[in-house]
C-alpha atoms as a PDB file:
ATOM      1  CA  MET A   1      70.251-124.248  12.221  1.00  0.00           C
ATOM      2  CA  ARG A   2      68.643-120.993  13.655  1.00  0.00           C
ATOM      3  CA  ARG A   3      64.901-121.586  14.436  1.00  0.00           C
ATOM      4  CA  LEU A   4      62.186-119.040  14.712  1.00  0.00           C
ATOM      5  CA  PRO A   5      60.151-120.280  17.947  1.00  0.00           C
ATOM      6  CA  VAL A   6      56.435-119.774  18.010  1.00  0.00           C
ATOM      7  CA  TYR A   7      54.860-119.888  21.251  1.00  0.00           C
ATOM      8  CA  LEU A   8      50.798-120.421  21.177  1.00  0.00           C
ATOM      9  CA  LEU A   9      49.323-119.354  24.686  1.00  0.00           C
ATOM     10  CA  LEU A  10      45.882-120.454  24.594  1.00  0.00           C
ATOM     11  CA  ASP A  11      42.740-120.060  27.061  1.00  0.00           C
ATOM     12  CA  THR A  12      41.187-123.139  27.708  1.00  0.00           C
ATOM     13  CA  SER A  13      39.187-122.001  30.328  1.00  0.00           C
ATOM     14  CA  GLY A  14      35.303-123.251  30.720  1.00  0.00           C
ATOM     15  CA  SER A  15      34.137-120.015  29.168  1.00  0.00           C
ATOM     16  CA  MET A  16      36.027-121.214  25.932  1.00  0.00           C
ATOM     17  CA  SER A  17      33.660-124.549  25.793  1.00  0.00           C
ATOM     18  CA  GLY A  18      31.735-125.687  22.934  1.00  0.00           C
ATOM     19  CA  GLU A  19      32.214-123.581  19.915  1.00  0.00           C
ATOM     20  CA  PRO A  20      35.288-121.413  20.582  1.00  0.00           C
ATOM     21  CA  ILE A  21      37.766-124.394  21.864  1.00  0.00           C
ATOM     22  CA  GLU A  22      36.712-126.331  18.518  1.00  0.00           C
ATOM     23  CA  ALA A  23      37.244-123.238  16.846  1.00  0.00           C
ATOM     24  CA  VAL A  24      40.859-123.303  18.014  1.00  0.00           C
ATOM     25  CA  LYS A  25      41.461-126.559  17.606  1.00  0.00           C
ATOM     26  CA  ASN A  26      40.472-126.387  13.947  1.00  0.00           C
ATOM     27  CA  GLY A  27      42.682-122.885  13.503  1.00  0.00           C
ATOM     28  CA  VAL A  28      46.072-124.569  15.126  1.00  0.00           C
ATOM     29  CA  GLN A  29      45.480-127.703  12.959  1.00  0.00           C
ATOM     30  CA  MET A  30      44.971-125.239   9.419  1.00  0.00           C
ATOM     31  CA  MET A  31      47.745-123.120  10.658  1.00  0.00           C
ATOM     32  CA  ILE A  32      49.941-126.260  10.375  1.00  0.00           C
ATOM     33  CA  HIS A  33      49.029-127.326   7.698  1.00  0.00           C
ATOM     34  CA  SER A  34      49.244-124.436   5.739  1.00  0.00           C
ATOM     35  CA  LEU A  35      52.939-123.650   7.590  1.00  0.00           C
ATOM     36  CA  ARG A  36      54.160-126.954   5.815  1.00  0.00           C
ATOM     37  CA  GLN A  37      53.612-125.865   2.563  1.00  0.00           C
ATOM     38  CA  ASN A  38      56.013-122.866   3.099  1.00  0.00           C
ATOM     39  CA  PRO A  39      59.512-124.298   2.357  1.00  0.00           C
ATOM     40  CA  GLN A  40      60.876-121.361   4.566  1.00  0.00           C
ATOM     41  CA  ALA A  41      58.696-121.990   7.217  1.00  0.00           C
ATOM     42  CA  ILE A  42      59.235-125.800   7.082  1.00  0.00           C
ATOM     43  CA  GLU A  43      62.964-124.901   7.841  1.00  0.00           C
ATOM     44  CA  THR A  44      62.731-122.300  10.400  1.00  0.00           C
ATOM     45  CA  ALA A  45      59.449-122.333  12.779  1.00  0.00           C
ATOM     46  CA  PHE A  46      59.166-124.383  15.287  1.00  0.00           C
ATOM     47  CA  VAL A  47      55.600-124.390  17.535  1.00  0.00           C
ATOM     48  CA  SER A  48      54.754-124.971  21.134  1.00  0.00           C
ATOM     49  CA  ILE A  49      51.757-125.088  22.800  1.00  0.00           C
ATOM     50  CA  ILE A  50      50.810-123.831  26.547  1.00  0.00           C
ATOM     51  CA  THR A  51      47.287-123.853  27.475  1.00  0.00           C
ATOM     52  CA  PHE A  52      45.776-122.255  30.728  1.00  0.00           C
ATOM     53  CA  ASP A  53      42.759-123.006  32.696  1.00  0.00           C
ATOM     54  CA  THR A  54      42.795-123.722  36.210  1.00  0.00           C
ATOM     55  CA  THR A  55      46.497-124.776  35.669  1.00  0.00           C
ATOM     56  CA  ALA A  56      48.754-123.688  32.947  1.00  0.00           C
ATOM     57  CA  ILE A  57      50.627-126.645  30.706  1.00  0.00           C
ATOM     58  CA  GLN A  58      52.827-127.194  27.830  1.00  0.00           C
ATOM     59  CA  VAL A  59      50.692-129.583  26.006  1.00  0.00           C
ATOM     60  CA  ILE A  60      53.223-129.677  23.292  1.00  0.00           C
ATOM     61  CA  PRO A  61      56.954-128.623  23.670  1.00  0.00           C
ATOM     62  CA  LEU A  62      59.109-126.638  20.513  1.00  0.00           C
ATOM     63  CA  THR A  63      58.381-129.036  17.841  1.00  0.00           C
ATOM     64  CA  ASP A  64      59.226-128.759  14.242  1.00  0.00           C
ATOM     65  CA  LEU A  65      56.382-128.599  11.741  1.00  0.00           C
ATOM     66  CA  ALA A  66      57.095-132.151  10.081  1.00  0.00           C
ATOM     67  CA  SER A  67      56.462-133.707  13.629  1.00  0.00           C
ATOM     68  CA  PHE A  68      54.010-131.811  14.947  1.00  0.00           C
ATOM     69  CA  GLN A  69      51.180-133.413  16.232  1.00  0.00           C
ATOM     70  CA  MET A  70      47.962-131.433  17.966  1.00  0.00           C
ATOM     71  CA  VAL A  71      46.273-132.926  21.159  1.00  0.00           C
ATOM     72  CA  ASP A  72      42.667-132.720  22.236  1.00  0.00           C
ATOM     73  CA  LEU A  73      41.989-129.626  24.085  1.00  0.00           C
ATOM     74  CA  LYS A  74      39.102-129.282  26.597  1.00  0.00           C
ATOM     75  CA  ALA A  75      37.976-126.323  28.084  1.00  0.00           C
ATOM     76  CA  ARG A  76      37.635-125.961  31.773  1.00  0.00           C
ATOM     77  CA  GLY A  77      38.085-124.404  35.106  1.00  0.00           C
ATOM     78  CA  VAL A  78      39.338-120.787  35.600  1.00  0.00           C
ATOM     79  CA  THR A  79      41.772-118.482  33.736  1.00  0.00           C
ATOM     80  CA  ALA A  80      45.190-118.935  35.333  1.00  0.00           C
ATOM     81  CA  MET A  81      46.973-116.496  32.937  1.00  0.00           C
ATOM     82  CA  GLY A  82      50.049-115.759  35.301  1.00  0.00           C
ATOM     83  CA  ALA A  83      50.785-119.284  35.369  1.00  0.00           C
ATOM     84  CA  ALA A  84      51.068-119.417  31.740  1.00  0.00           C
ATOM     85  CA  LEU A  85      53.112-116.380  31.635  1.00  0.00           C
ATOM     86  CA  HIS A  86      55.380-117.990  34.526  1.00  0.00           C
ATOM     87  CA  LEU A  87      55.553-121.376  32.231  1.00  0.00           C
ATOM     88  CA  LEU A  88      56.232-119.310  29.236  1.00  0.00           C
ATOM     89  CA  ALA A  89      59.521-117.460  30.946  1.00  0.00           C
ATOM     90  CA  ASP A  90      60.917-120.662  31.772  1.00  0.00           C
ATOM     91  CA  LYS A  91      60.445-122.370  28.514  1.00  0.00           C
ATOM     92  CA  LEU A  92      61.929-119.438  26.579  1.00  0.00           C
ATOM     93  CA  GLN A  93      65.035-119.930  28.902  1.00  0.00           C
ATOM     94  CA  ASN A  94      65.116-123.735  28.813  1.00  0.00           C
ATOM     95  CA  GLU A  95      64.163-124.309  24.765  1.00  0.00           C
ATOM     96  CA  VAL A  96      65.531-121.062  23.042  1.00  0.00           C
ATOM     97  CA  ALA A  97      69.244-121.045  22.165  1.00  0.00           C
ATOM     98  CA  SER A  98      70.781-117.964  23.084  1.00  0.00           C
ATOM     99  CA  THR A  99      73.655-116.416  21.037  1.00  0.00           C
ATOM    100  CA  THR A 100      76.993-116.896  21.907  1.00  0.00           C
ATOM    101  CA  PRO A 101      80.708-116.078  20.763  1.00  0.00           C
ATOM    102  CA  GLU A 102      80.939-119.390  19.439  1.00  0.00           C
ATOM    103  CA  GLN A 103      77.420-119.777  17.510  1.00  0.00           C
ATOM    104  CA  LYS A 104      74.558-117.758  16.747  1.00  0.00           C
ATOM    105  CA  GLY A 105      71.407-118.823  18.929  1.00  0.00           C
ATOM    106  CA  ASP A 106      67.741-119.159  17.875  1.00  0.00           C
ATOM    107  CA  TRP A 107      65.315-116.258  16.165  1.00  0.00           C
ATOM    108  CA  LYS A 108      63.467-113.756  18.695  1.00  0.00           C
ATOM    109  CA  PRO A 109      60.312-116.020  19.569  1.00  0.00           C
ATOM    110  CA  LEU A 110      56.895-114.912  18.385  1.00  0.00           C
ATOM    111  CA  VAL A 111      54.368-115.332  20.942  1.00  0.00           C
ATOM    112  CA  PHE A 112      50.515-115.262  20.500  1.00  0.00           C
ATOM    113  CA  ILE A 113      48.139-114.899  23.592  1.00  0.00           C
ATOM    114  CA  MET A 114      44.585-115.649  22.921  1.00  0.00           C
ATOM    115  CA  THR A 115      42.029-115.429  25.659  1.00  0.00           C
ATOM    116  CA  ASP A 116      38.253-114.454  26.160  1.00  0.00           C
ATOM    117  CA  GLY A 117      38.700-113.452  29.737  1.00  0.00           C
ATOM    118  CA  GLY A 118      40.737-112.057  32.384  1.00  0.00           C
ATOM    119  CA  PRO A 119      43.350-113.565  34.685  1.00  0.00           C
ATOM    120  CA  THR A 120      42.044-115.597  37.664  1.00  0.00           C
ATOM    121  CA  ASP A 121      45.561-115.613  39.257  1.00  0.00           C
ATOM    122  CA  ASP A 122      48.390-113.068  40.106  1.00  0.00           C
ATOM    123  CA  TRP A 123      49.292-112.539  36.878  1.00  0.00           C
ATOM    124  CA  GLN A 124      51.920-109.650  37.743  1.00  0.00           C
ATOM    125  CA  ARG A 125      54.024-112.479  39.243  1.00  0.00           C
ATOM    126  CA  GLY A 126      54.208-114.425  36.009  1.00  0.00           C
ATOM    127  CA  HIS A 127      54.830-111.203  33.971  1.00  0.00           C
ATOM    128  CA  ASN A 128      57.622-110.058  36.148  1.00  0.00           C
ATOM    129  CA  LYS A 129      59.669-113.368  35.803  1.00  0.00           C
ATOM    130  CA  LEU A 130      58.810-113.157  31.937  1.00  0.00           C
ATOM    131  CA  LYS A 131      60.124-109.318  31.400  1.00  0.00           C
ATOM    132  CA  ALA A 132      63.776-111.025  32.413  1.00  0.00           C
ATOM    133  CA  VAL A 133      63.906-113.310  29.499  1.00  0.00           C
ATOM    134  CA  ASN A 134      64.484-112.929  25.604  1.00  0.00           C
ATOM    135  CA  LYS A 135      61.081-112.902  24.768  1.00  0.00           C
ATOM    136  CA  GLY A 136      60.967-111.613  21.275  1.00  0.00           C
ATOM    137  CA  LEU A 137      57.601-110.015  20.147  1.00  0.00           C
ATOM    138  CA  ILE A 138      54.516-110.912  21.604  1.00  0.00           C
ATOM    139  CA  VAL A 139      50.888-110.347  20.398  1.00  0.00           C
ATOM    140  CA  GLY A 140      47.826-110.392  22.775  1.00  0.00           C
ATOM    141  CA  CYS A 141      44.513-111.556  21.295  1.00  0.00           C
ATOM    142  CA  ALA A 142      41.370-110.463  23.378  1.00  0.00           C
ATOM    143  CA  ALA A 143      38.536-112.838  21.841  1.00  0.00           C
ATOM    144  CA  GLY A 144      35.332-111.586  22.318  1.00  0.00           C
ATOM    145  CA  HIS A 145      33.270-108.890  24.446  1.00  0.00           C
ATOM    146  CA  GLY A 146      34.132-110.569  27.703  1.00  0.00           C
ATOM    147  CA  ALA A 147      37.745-110.106  27.350  1.00  0.00           C
ATOM    148  CA  ASP A 148      39.879-108.099  29.403  1.00  0.00           C
ATOM    149  CA  ASP A 149      42.284-106.560  27.089  1.00  0.00           C
ATOM    150  CA  THR A 150      43.833-104.139  30.049  1.00  0.00           C
ATOM    151  CA  VAL A 151      46.053-106.629  31.422  1.00  0.00           C
ATOM    152  CA  LEU A 152      47.220-107.750  27.714  1.00  0.00           C
ATOM    153  CA  LYS A 153      48.139-103.908  27.074  1.00  0.00           C
ATOM    154  CA  GLN A 154      50.117-104.056  30.168  1.00  0.00           C
ATOM    155  CA  ILE A 155      52.058-107.381  28.792  1.00  0.00           C
ATOM    156  CA  THR A 156      52.515-106.203  25.398  1.00  0.00           C
ATOM    157  CA  ASN A 157      52.195-103.191  23.415  1.00  0.00           C
ATOM    158  CA  SER A 158      50.981-105.353  20.591  1.00  0.00           C
ATOM    159  CA  VAL A 159      47.158-106.312  21.131  1.00  0.00           C
ATOM    160  CA  VAL A 160      44.473-107.294  18.725  1.00  0.00           C
ATOM    161  CA  ARG A 161      40.847-107.424  19.409  1.00  0.00           C
ATOM    162  CA  LEU A 162      38.084-109.827  18.152  1.00  0.00           C
ATOM    163  CA  ASP A 163      34.518-108.478  18.560  1.00  0.00           C
ATOM    164  CA  ASN A 164      33.301-112.568  19.264  1.00  0.00           C
ATOM    165  CA  ALA A 165      34.956-115.556  19.803  1.00  0.00           C
ATOM    166  CA  ASP A 166      32.704-117.345  17.373  1.00  0.00           C
ATOM    167  CA  SER A 167      34.228-119.828  14.652  1.00  0.00           C
ATOM    168  CA  GLU A 168      34.606-117.603  11.854  1.00  0.00           C
ATOM    169  CA  SER A 169      36.055-115.155  14.052  1.00  0.00           C
ATOM    170  CA  ILE A 170      38.899-117.512  15.752  1.00  0.00           C
ATOM    171  CA  SER A 171      39.737-118.751  12.366  1.00  0.00           C
ATOM    172  CA  LYS A 172      40.132-115.131  10.853  1.00  0.00           C
ATOM    173  CA  PHE A 173      42.692-114.842  13.854  1.00  0.00           C
ATOM    174  CA  PHE A 174      44.490-118.135  13.147  1.00  0.00           C
ATOM    175  CA  GLN A 175      44.961-117.288   9.381  1.00  0.00           C
ATOM    176  CA  TRP A 176      46.565-114.063  10.587  1.00  0.00           C
ATOM    177  CA  VAL A 177      48.769-115.791  12.900  1.00  0.00           C
ATOM    178  CA  THR A 178      49.637-118.341   9.848  1.00  0.00           C
ATOM    179  CA  ALA A 179      50.606-115.117   7.837  1.00  0.00           C
ATOM    180  CA  SER A 180      52.680-113.665  10.241  1.00  0.00           C
ATOM    181  CA  ILE A 181      54.693-116.761  10.915  1.00  0.00           C
ATOM    182  CA  SER A 182      55.195-117.288   7.152  1.00  0.00           C
ATOM    183  CA  THR A 183      56.421-113.695   6.418  1.00  0.00           C
ATOM    184  CA  THR A 184      58.556-113.867   9.677  1.00  0.00           C
ATOM    185  CA  SER A 185      59.974-117.240   8.267  1.00  0.00           C
ATOM    186  CA  THR A 186      60.856-115.782   5.089  1.00  0.00           C
ATOM    187  CA  LYS A 187      62.382-112.309   6.471  1.00  0.00           C
ATOM    188  CA  VAL A 188      64.430-114.134   8.876  1.00  0.00           C
ATOM    189  CA  GLU A 189      65.697-116.613   5.862  1.00  0.00           C
ATOM    190  CA  GLU A 190      66.170-113.904   3.434  1.00  0.00           C
ATOM    191  CA  SER A 191      67.485-110.859   5.202  1.00  0.00           C
ATOM    192  CA  GLY A 192      68.164-111.652   8.862  1.00  0.00           C
ATOM    193  CA  LYS A 193      66.699-109.129  10.107  1.00  0.00           C
ATOM    194  CA  GLU A 194      63.744-109.882  12.961  1.00  0.00           C
ATOM    195  CA  VAL A 195      60.298-108.806  13.248  1.00  0.00           C
ATOM    196  CA  THR A 196      59.886-106.648  16.211  1.00  0.00           C
ATOM    197  CA  GLY A 197      56.693-104.997  16.207  1.00  0.00           C
ATOM    198  CA  LEU A 198      52.883-105.472  14.595  1.00  0.00           C
ATOM    199  CA  GLU A 199      53.822-102.921  11.785  1.00  0.00           C
ATOM    200  CA  GLN A 200      55.896-105.694  10.505  1.00  0.00           C
ATOM    201  CA  LEU A 201      53.260-108.505  10.312  1.00  0.00           C
ATOM    202  CA  PRO A 202      50.604-108.707   7.793  1.00  0.00           C
ATOM    203  CA  PRO A 203      47.901-106.469   7.895  1.00  0.00           C
ATOM    204  CA  PRO A 204      45.177-108.050  10.272  1.00  0.00           C
ATOM    205  CA  PRO A 205      41.803-109.218   8.629  1.00  0.00           C
ATOM    206  CA  SER A 206      38.581-106.985   9.201  1.00  0.00           C
ATOM    207  CA  LYS A 207      37.561-109.046  12.114  1.00  0.00           C
ATOM    208  CA  LEU A 208      40.541-108.587  13.873  1.00  0.00           C
ATOM    209  CA  VAL A 209      41.392-104.914  15.158  1.00  0.00           C
ATOM    210  CA  ILE A 210      44.618-103.658  16.322  1.00  0.00           C
ATOM    211  CA  ILE A 211      43.909-101.590  19.698  1.00  0.00           C
ATOM    212  CA  ALA A 212      47.600-101.260  20.791  1.00  0.00           C
END
């Protein structure tokens, strides 16, 4: 079976404490609940979560929707986005099956990076490692006024912005992520064609603005 790997890189730095981190946890729970209702997604989509604050940790390895169990997320520390990109590159190499002459590998991954700030470490080192792997479609989300979208634009040419990092805006973001995963699952299952850009995903809600 060809899997659709989905990686969520979530900023859990101290500035996300309170309403934003609770909204992220609720958003992931609702996303998983909704995707479990989609026959194509439950067959195809596998989800992993990487958090980044002072360090980057894969808190949930690539897991099928039926087995997925959300973990508690705490907001603390600074914003080691470079470490998260480095870890993502490792996981893409080790968890995503490549196509060989003998078998078809997994579909190209969908990666969503959400941050409300800017990197506090050497993000370019992680980015350089990421450029060397089959990374699929990466979507960056700058959440709120304090988010630095200039780095996200250098990581990917698919960037969206939330004006606020409040619960309503973050909820809308995860609804759009859910719809994007559903659309991609259906597309690969029915046509065998992979999604390569934002224009092939559902249009974002009004609170989400495409900036790159």
